[in-house]
Amino acid sequence: NNLSTPRVEFNFPGLQAGDKWCLCARR
């Protein structure tokens, strides 16, 4: 689950250290 790479098709900017994000509880 690569959260660092932007995914334009999902309007996802990609994350970097310091960003806040709602993670899946199991992950």
PDB file of all heavy atoms in Angstrom:
ATOM      1  N   ASN A   1       0.859  -1.188   0.000  1.00  0.00           N
ATOM      2  CA  ASN A   1       0.000   0.000   0.000  1.00  0.00           C
ATOM      3  C   ASN A   1       0.892   1.234   0.000  1.00  0.00           C
ATOM      4  O   ASN A   1       1.247   1.758   1.053  1.00  0.00           O
ATOM      5  CB  ASN A   1      -0.928  -0.012   1.217  1.00  0.00           C
ATOM      6  CG  ASN A   1      -1.939   1.116   1.164  1.00  0.00           C
ATOM      7  OD1 ASN A   1      -2.170   1.715   0.128  1.00  0.00           O
ATOM      8  ND2 ASN A   1      -2.539   1.402   2.302  1.00  0.00           N
ATOM      9  N   ASN A   2       1.226   1.701  -1.186  1.00  0.00           N
ATOM     10  CA  ASN A   2       2.110   2.848  -1.351  1.00  0.00           C
ATOM     11  C   ASN A   2       1.318   4.136  -1.152  1.00  0.00           C
ATOM     12  O   ASN A   2       0.571   4.548  -2.033  1.00  0.00           O
ATOM     13  CB  ASN A   2       2.745   2.808  -2.735  1.00  0.00           C
ATOM     14  CG  ASN A   2       3.725   3.927  -2.956  1.00  0.00           C
ATOM     15  OD1 ASN A   2       3.837   4.853  -2.161  1.00  0.00           O
ATOM     16  ND2 ASN A   2       4.446   3.852  -4.049  1.00  0.00           N
ATOM     17  N   LEU A   3       1.493   4.751   0.004  1.00  0.00           N
ATOM     18  CA  LEU A   3       0.802   6.001   0.305  1.00  0.00           C
ATOM     19  C   LEU A   3       1.623   7.225  -0.081  1.00  0.00           C
ATOM     20  O   LEU A   3       1.136   8.344   0.013  1.00  0.00           O
ATOM     21  CB  LEU A   3       0.465   6.076   1.800  1.00  0.00           C
ATOM     22  CG  LEU A   3      -0.504   5.025   2.321  1.00  0.00           C
ATOM     23  CD1 LEU A   3      -0.654   5.138   3.836  1.00  0.00           C
ATOM     24  CD2 LEU A   3      -1.850   5.157   1.639  1.00  0.00           C
ATOM     25  N   SER A   4       2.856   7.022  -0.525  1.00  0.00           N
ATOM     26  CA  SER A   4       3.748   8.133  -0.844  1.00  0.00           C
ATOM     27  C   SER A   4       3.586   8.648  -2.269  1.00  0.00           C
ATOM     28  O   SER A   4       3.848   9.823  -2.531  1.00  0.00           O
ATOM     29  CB  SER A   4       5.207   7.708  -0.647  1.00  0.00           C
ATOM     30  OG  SER A   4       5.407   7.267   0.675  1.00  0.00           O
ATOM     31  N   THR A   5       3.179   7.800  -3.167  1.00  0.00           N
ATOM     32  CA  THR A   5       3.085   8.175  -4.578  1.00  0.00           C
ATOM     33  C   THR A   5       1.730   8.788  -4.892  1.00  0.00           C
ATOM     34  O   THR A   5       0.692   8.197  -4.581  1.00  0.00           O
ATOM     35  CB  THR A   5       3.309   6.932  -5.469  1.00  0.00           C
ATOM     36  OG1 THR A   5       4.594   6.400  -5.160  1.00  0.00           O
ATOM     37  CG2 THR A   5       3.234   7.287  -6.938  1.00  0.00           C
ATOM     38  N   PRO A   6       1.722   9.981  -5.500  1.00  0.00           N
ATOM     39  CA  PRO A   6       0.448  10.580  -5.911  1.00  0.00           C
ATOM     40  C   PRO A   6      -0.298   9.686  -6.896  1.00  0.00           C
ATOM     41  O   PRO A   6       0.315   8.999  -7.723  1.00  0.00           O
ATOM     42  CB  PRO A   6       0.879  11.891  -6.595  1.00  0.00           C
ATOM     43  CG  PRO A   6       2.238  12.188  -6.054  1.00  0.00           C
ATOM     44  CD  PRO A   6       2.866  10.843  -5.813  1.00  0.00           C
ATOM     45  N   ARG A   7      -1.618   9.678  -6.780  1.00  0.00           N
ATOM     46  CA  ARG A   7      -2.483   8.932  -7.708  1.00  0.00           C
ATOM     47  C   ARG A   7      -3.534   9.903  -8.232  1.00  0.00           C
ATOM     48  O   ARG A   7      -4.588  10.092  -7.616  1.00  0.00           O
ATOM     49  CB  ARG A   7      -3.156   7.758  -6.993  1.00  0.00           C
ATOM     50  CG  ARG A   7      -2.219   6.712  -6.400  1.00  0.00           C
ATOM     51  CD  ARG A   7      -1.596   5.792  -7.441  1.00  0.00           C
ATOM     52  NE  ARG A   7      -2.564   5.134  -8.285  1.00  0.00           N
ATOM     53  CZ  ARG A   7      -3.065   3.923  -8.070  1.00  0.00           C
ATOM     54  NH1 ARG A   7      -2.707   3.229  -7.003  1.00  0.00           N
ATOM     55  NH2 ARG A   7      -3.935   3.406  -8.911  1.00  0.00           N
ATOM     56  N   VAL A   8      -3.216  10.535  -9.344  1.00  0.00           N
ATOM     57  CA  VAL A   8      -4.072  11.565  -9.921  1.00  0.00           C
ATOM     58  C   VAL A   8      -5.484  11.043 -10.186  1.00  0.00           C
ATOM     59  O   VAL A   8      -6.469  11.736  -9.949  1.00  0.00           O
ATOM     60  CB  VAL A   8      -3.441  12.123 -11.219  1.00  0.00           C
ATOM     61  CG1 VAL A   8      -4.339  13.168 -11.866  1.00  0.00           C
ATOM     62  CG2 VAL A   8      -2.073  12.699 -10.920  1.00  0.00           C
ATOM     63  N   GLU A   9      -5.575   9.786 -10.637  1.00  0.00           N
ATOM     64  CA  GLU A   9      -6.888   9.223 -10.980  1.00  0.00           C
ATOM     65  C   GLU A   9      -7.808   9.104  -9.767  1.00  0.00           C
ATOM     66  O   GLU A   9      -9.022   9.014  -9.902  1.00  0.00           O
ATOM     67  CB  GLU A   9      -6.743   7.861 -11.669  1.00  0.00           C
ATOM     68  CG  GLU A   9      -6.180   6.753 -10.806  1.00  0.00           C
ATOM     69  CD  GLU A   9      -4.659   6.655 -10.764  1.00  0.00           C
ATOM     70  OE1 GLU A   9      -3.969   7.660 -10.992  1.00  0.00           O
ATOM     71  OE2 GLU A   9      -4.149   5.555 -10.478  1.00  0.00           O
ATOM     72  N   PHE A  10      -7.227   9.110  -8.557  1.00  0.00           N
ATOM     73  CA  PHE A  10      -8.025   9.066  -7.332  1.00  0.00           C
ATOM     74  C   PHE A  10      -7.987  10.385  -6.574  1.00  0.00           C
ATOM     75  O   PHE A  10      -8.417  10.458  -5.426  1.00  0.00           O
ATOM     76  CB  PHE A  10      -7.525   7.941  -6.411  1.00  0.00           C
ATOM     77  CG  PHE A  10      -7.641   6.579  -7.019  1.00  0.00           C
ATOM     78  CD1 PHE A  10      -6.519   5.805  -7.230  1.00  0.00           C
ATOM     79  CD2 PHE A  10      -8.876   6.063  -7.386  1.00  0.00           C
ATOM     80  CE1 PHE A  10      -6.609   4.540  -7.792  1.00  0.00           C
ATOM     81  CE2 PHE A  10      -8.981   4.806  -7.955  1.00  0.00           C
ATOM     82  CZ  PHE A  10      -7.848   4.042  -8.157  1.00  0.00           C
ATOM     83  N   ASN A  11      -7.437  11.422  -7.213  1.00  0.00           N
ATOM     84  CA  ASN A  11      -7.293  12.730  -6.577  1.00  0.00           C
ATOM     85  C   ASN A  11      -6.525  12.604  -5.262  1.00  0.00           C
ATOM     86  O   ASN A  11      -6.871  13.218  -4.257  1.00  0.00           O
ATOM     87  CB  ASN A  11      -8.665  13.383  -6.362  1.00  0.00           C
ATOM     88  CG  ASN A  11      -8.545  14.870  -6.102  1.00  0.00           C
ATOM     89  OD1 ASN A  11      -7.574  15.514  -6.504  1.00  0.00           O
ATOM     90  ND2 ASN A  11      -9.531  15.413  -5.406  1.00  0.00           N
ATOM     91  N   PHE A  12      -5.495  11.760  -5.298  1.00  0.00           N
ATOM     92  CA  PHE A  12      -4.679  11.491  -4.105  1.00  0.00           C
ATOM     93  C   PHE A  12      -3.298  12.112  -4.296  1.00  0.00           C
ATOM     94  O   PHE A  12      -2.571  11.737  -5.220  1.00  0.00           O
ATOM     95  CB  PHE A  12      -4.564   9.980  -3.882  1.00  0.00           C
ATOM     96  CG  PHE A  12      -3.710   9.594  -2.711  1.00  0.00           C
ATOM     97  CD1 PHE A  12      -4.124   9.848  -1.415  1.00  0.00           C
ATOM     98  CD2 PHE A  12      -2.477   8.988  -2.906  1.00  0.00           C
ATOM     99  CE1 PHE A  12      -3.333   9.497  -0.325  1.00  0.00           C
ATOM    100  CE2 PHE A  12      -1.682   8.628  -1.835  1.00  0.00           C
ATOM    101  CZ  PHE A  12      -2.108   8.893  -0.546  1.00  0.00           C
ATOM    102  N   PRO A  13      -2.925  13.061  -3.429  1.00  0.00           N
ATOM    103  CA  PRO A  13      -1.670  13.796  -3.621  1.00  0.00           C
ATOM    104  C   PRO A  13      -0.413  13.032  -3.229  1.00  0.00           C
ATOM    105  O   PRO A  13       0.690  13.474  -3.542  1.00  0.00           O
ATOM    106  CB  PRO A  13      -1.854  15.007  -2.705  1.00  0.00           C
ATOM    107  CG  PRO A  13      -2.709  14.493  -1.589  1.00  0.00           C
ATOM    108  CD  PRO A  13      -3.663  13.517  -2.256  1.00  0.00           C
ATOM    109  N   GLY A  14      -0.555  11.906  -2.567  1.00  0.00           N
ATOM    110  CA  GLY A  14       0.611  11.221  -2.001  1.00  0.00           C
ATOM    111  C   GLY A  14       0.946  11.852  -0.659  1.00  0.00           C
ATOM    112  O   GLY A  14       0.743  13.053  -0.458  1.00  0.00           O
ATOM    113  N   LEU A  15       1.410  11.034   0.261  1.00  0.00           N
ATOM    114  CA  LEU A  15       1.686  11.514   1.614  1.00  0.00           C
ATOM    115  C   LEU A  15       3.186  11.565   1.875  1.00  0.00           C
ATOM    116  O   LEU A  15       3.953  10.833   1.258  1.00  0.00           O
ATOM    117  CB  LEU A  15       1.027  10.595   2.644  1.00  0.00           C
ATOM    118  CG  LEU A  15      -0.493  10.451   2.542  1.00  0.00           C
ATOM    119  CD1 LEU A  15      -0.986   9.426   3.548  1.00  0.00           C
ATOM    120  CD2 LEU A  15      -1.189  11.786   2.738  1.00  0.00           C
ATOM    121  N   GLN A  16       3.551  12.426   2.808  1.00  0.00           N
ATOM    122  CA  GLN A  16       4.931  12.496   3.257  1.00  0.00           C
ATOM    123  C   GLN A  16       4.936  12.608   4.778  1.00  0.00           C
ATOM    124  O   GLN A  16       3.896  12.862   5.393  1.00  0.00           O
ATOM    125  CB  GLN A  16       5.654  13.660   2.600  1.00  0.00           C
ATOM    126  CG  GLN A  16       4.993  15.004   2.821  1.00  0.00           C
ATOM    127  CD  GLN A  16       5.660  16.088   2.000  1.00  0.00           C
ATOM    128  OE1 GLN A  16       6.870  16.097   1.859  1.00  0.00           O
ATOM    129  NE2 GLN A  16       4.879  16.993   1.462  1.00  0.00           N
ATOM    130  N   ALA A  17       6.090  12.402   5.356  1.00  0.00           N
ATOM    131  CA  ALA A  17       6.215  12.496   6.818  1.00  0.00           C
ATOM    132  C   ALA A  17       5.649  13.832   7.287  1.00  0.00           C
ATOM    133  O   ALA A  17       5.880  14.871   6.676  1.00  0.00           O
ATOM    134  CB  ALA A  17       7.672  12.345   7.227  1.00  0.00           C
ATOM    135  N   GLY A  18       4.850  13.758   8.353  1.00  0.00           N
ATOM    136  CA  GLY A  18       4.220  14.948   8.916  1.00  0.00           C
ATOM    137  C   GLY A  18       2.772  15.117   8.509  1.00  0.00           C
ATOM    138  O   GLY A  18       2.018  15.811   9.184  1.00  0.00           O
ATOM    139  N   ASP A  19       2.357  14.492   7.399  1.00  0.00           N
ATOM    140  CA  ASP A  19       0.960  14.570   6.977  1.00  0.00           C
ATOM    141  C   ASP A  19       0.090  13.751   7.923  1.00  0.00           C
ATOM    142  O   ASP A  19       0.510  12.722   8.443  1.00  0.00           O
ATOM    143  CB  ASP A  19       0.785  14.014   5.555  1.00  0.00           C
ATOM    144  CG  ASP A  19       1.332  14.926   4.484  1.00  0.00           C
ATOM    145  OD1 ASP A  19       1.506  16.132   4.749  1.00  0.00           O
ATOM    146  OD2 ASP A  19       1.590  14.426   3.374  1.00  0.00           O
ATOM    147  N   LYS A  20      -1.135  14.205   8.116  1.00  0.00           N
ATOM    148  CA  LYS A  20      -2.115  13.474   8.916  1.00  0.00           C
ATOM    149  C   LYS A  20      -3.015  12.701   7.963  1.00  0.00           C
ATOM    150  O   LYS A  20      -3.402  13.212   6.917  1.00  0.00           O
ATOM    151  CB  LYS A  20      -2.936  14.443   9.756  1.00  0.00           C
ATOM    152  CG  LYS A  20      -2.108  15.225  10.743  1.00  0.00           C
ATOM    153  CD  LYS A  20      -2.926  16.314  11.395  1.00  0.00           C
ATOM    154  CE  LYS A  20      -2.030  17.245  12.176  1.00  0.00           C
ATOM    155  NZ  LYS A  20      -2.697  18.507  12.454  1.00  0.00           N
ATOM    156  N   TRP A  21      -3.355  11.464   8.362  1.00  0.00           N
ATOM    157  CA  TRP A  21      -4.135  10.592   7.471  1.00  0.00           C
ATOM    158  C   TRP A  21      -4.941   9.605   8.297  1.00  0.00           C
ATOM    159  O   TRP A  21      -4.510   9.177   9.364  1.00  0.00           O
ATOM    160  CB  TRP A  21      -3.183   9.845   6.542  1.00  0.00           C
ATOM    161  CG  TRP A  21      -3.846   9.169   5.391  1.00  0.00           C
ATOM    162  CD1 TRP A  21      -3.939   7.822   5.181  1.00  0.00           C
ATOM    163  CD2 TRP A  21      -4.495   9.786   4.276  1.00  0.00           C
ATOM    164  NE1 TRP A  21      -4.605   7.572   4.015  1.00  0.00           N
ATOM    165  CE2 TRP A  21      -4.963   8.768   3.431  1.00  0.00           C
ATOM    166  CE3 TRP A  21      -4.742  11.119   3.920  1.00  0.00           C
ATOM    167  CZ2 TRP A  21      -5.656   9.022   2.257  1.00  0.00           C
ATOM    168  CZ3 TRP A  21      -5.429  11.367   2.750  1.00  0.00           C
ATOM    169  CH2 TRP A  21      -5.872  10.340   1.935  1.00  0.00           C
ATOM    170  N   CYS A  22      -6.101   9.232   7.821  1.00  0.00           N
ATOM    171  CA  CYS A  22      -6.929   8.223   8.475  1.00  0.00           C
ATOM    172  C   CYS A  22      -6.508   6.840   7.975  1.00  0.00           C
ATOM    173  O   CYS A  22      -6.787   6.473   6.839  1.00  0.00           O
ATOM    174  CB  CYS A  22      -8.405   8.462   8.174  1.00  0.00           C
ATOM    175  SG  CYS A  22      -9.041  10.001   8.858  1.00  0.00           S
ATOM    176  N   LEU A  23      -5.829   6.122   8.829  1.00  0.00           N
ATOM    177  CA  LEU A  23      -5.325   4.800   8.477  1.00  0.00           C
ATOM    178  C   LEU A  23      -6.348   3.711   8.760  1.00  0.00           C
ATOM    179  O   LEU A  23      -7.177   3.839   9.674  1.00  0.00           O
ATOM    180  CB  LEU A  23      -4.068   4.479   9.288  1.00  0.00           C
ATOM    181  CG  LEU A  23      -2.837   5.303   8.993  1.00  0.00           C
ATOM    182  CD1 LEU A  23      -1.707   4.889   9.937  1.00  0.00           C
ATOM    183  CD2 LEU A  23      -2.411   5.150   7.549  1.00  0.00           C
ATOM    184  N   CYS A  24      -6.223   2.626   8.008  1.00  0.00           N
ATOM    185  CA  CYS A  24      -6.998   1.418   8.315  1.00  0.00           C
ATOM    186  C   CYS A  24      -6.516   0.889   9.662  1.00  0.00           C
ATOM    187  O   CYS A  24      -5.307   0.791   9.903  1.00  0.00           O
ATOM    188  CB  CYS A  24      -6.786   0.363   7.249  1.00  0.00           C
ATOM    189  SG  CYS A  24      -7.445   0.802   5.639  1.00  0.00           S
ATOM    190  N   ALA A  25      -7.448   0.556  10.502  1.00  0.00           N
ATOM    191  CA  ALA A  25      -7.102   0.112  11.855  1.00  0.00           C
ATOM    192  C   ALA A  25      -6.209  -1.131  11.834  1.00  0.00           C
ATOM    193  O   ALA A  25      -5.249  -1.223  12.604  1.00  0.00           O
ATOM    194  CB  ALA A  25      -8.373  -0.152  12.661  1.00  0.00           C
ATOM    195  N   ARG A  26      -6.477  -2.067  10.960  1.00  0.00           N
ATOM    196  CA  ARG A  26      -5.660  -3.285  10.909  1.00  0.00           C
ATOM    197  C   ARG A  26      -4.227  -2.998  10.458  1.00  0.00           C
ATOM    198  O   ARG A  26      -3.290  -3.610  10.955  1.00  0.00           O
ATOM    199  CB  ARG A  26      -6.299  -4.331  10.002  1.00  0.00           C
ATOM    200  CG  ARG A  26      -7.579  -4.895  10.597  1.00  0.00           C
ATOM    201  CD  ARG A  26      -8.079  -6.121   9.851  1.00  0.00           C
ATOM    202  NE  ARG A  26      -9.464  -6.425  10.078  1.00  0.00           N
ATOM    203  CZ  ARG A  26     -10.038  -6.708  11.242  1.00  0.00           C
ATOM    204  NH1 ARG A  26      -9.315  -6.701  12.327  1.00  0.00           N
ATOM    205  NH2 ARG A  26     -11.318  -6.976  11.341  1.00  0.00           N
ATOM    206  N   ARG A  27      -4.040  -2.090   9.512  1.00  0.00           N
ATOM    207  CA  ARG A  27      -2.681  -1.745   9.081  1.00  0.00           C
ATOM    208  C   ARG A  27      -1.915  -1.064  10.220  1.00  0.00           C
ATOM    209  O   ARG A  27      -0.749  -1.329  10.445  1.00  0.00           O
ATOM    210  CB  ARG A  27      -2.716  -0.855   7.832  1.00  0.00           C
ATOM    211  CG  ARG A  27      -1.348  -0.362   7.331  1.00  0.00           C
ATOM    212  CD  ARG A  27      -0.290  -1.458   7.127  1.00  0.00           C
ATOM    213  NE  ARG A  27      -0.728  -2.614   6.414  1.00  0.00           N
ATOM    214  CZ  ARG A  27      -0.680  -2.806   5.096  1.00  0.00           C
ATOM    215  NH1 ARG A  27      -0.183  -1.877   4.326  1.00  0.00           N
ATOM    216  NH2 ARG A  27      -1.122  -3.929   4.564  1.00  0.00           N
TER     217      ARG A  27
END
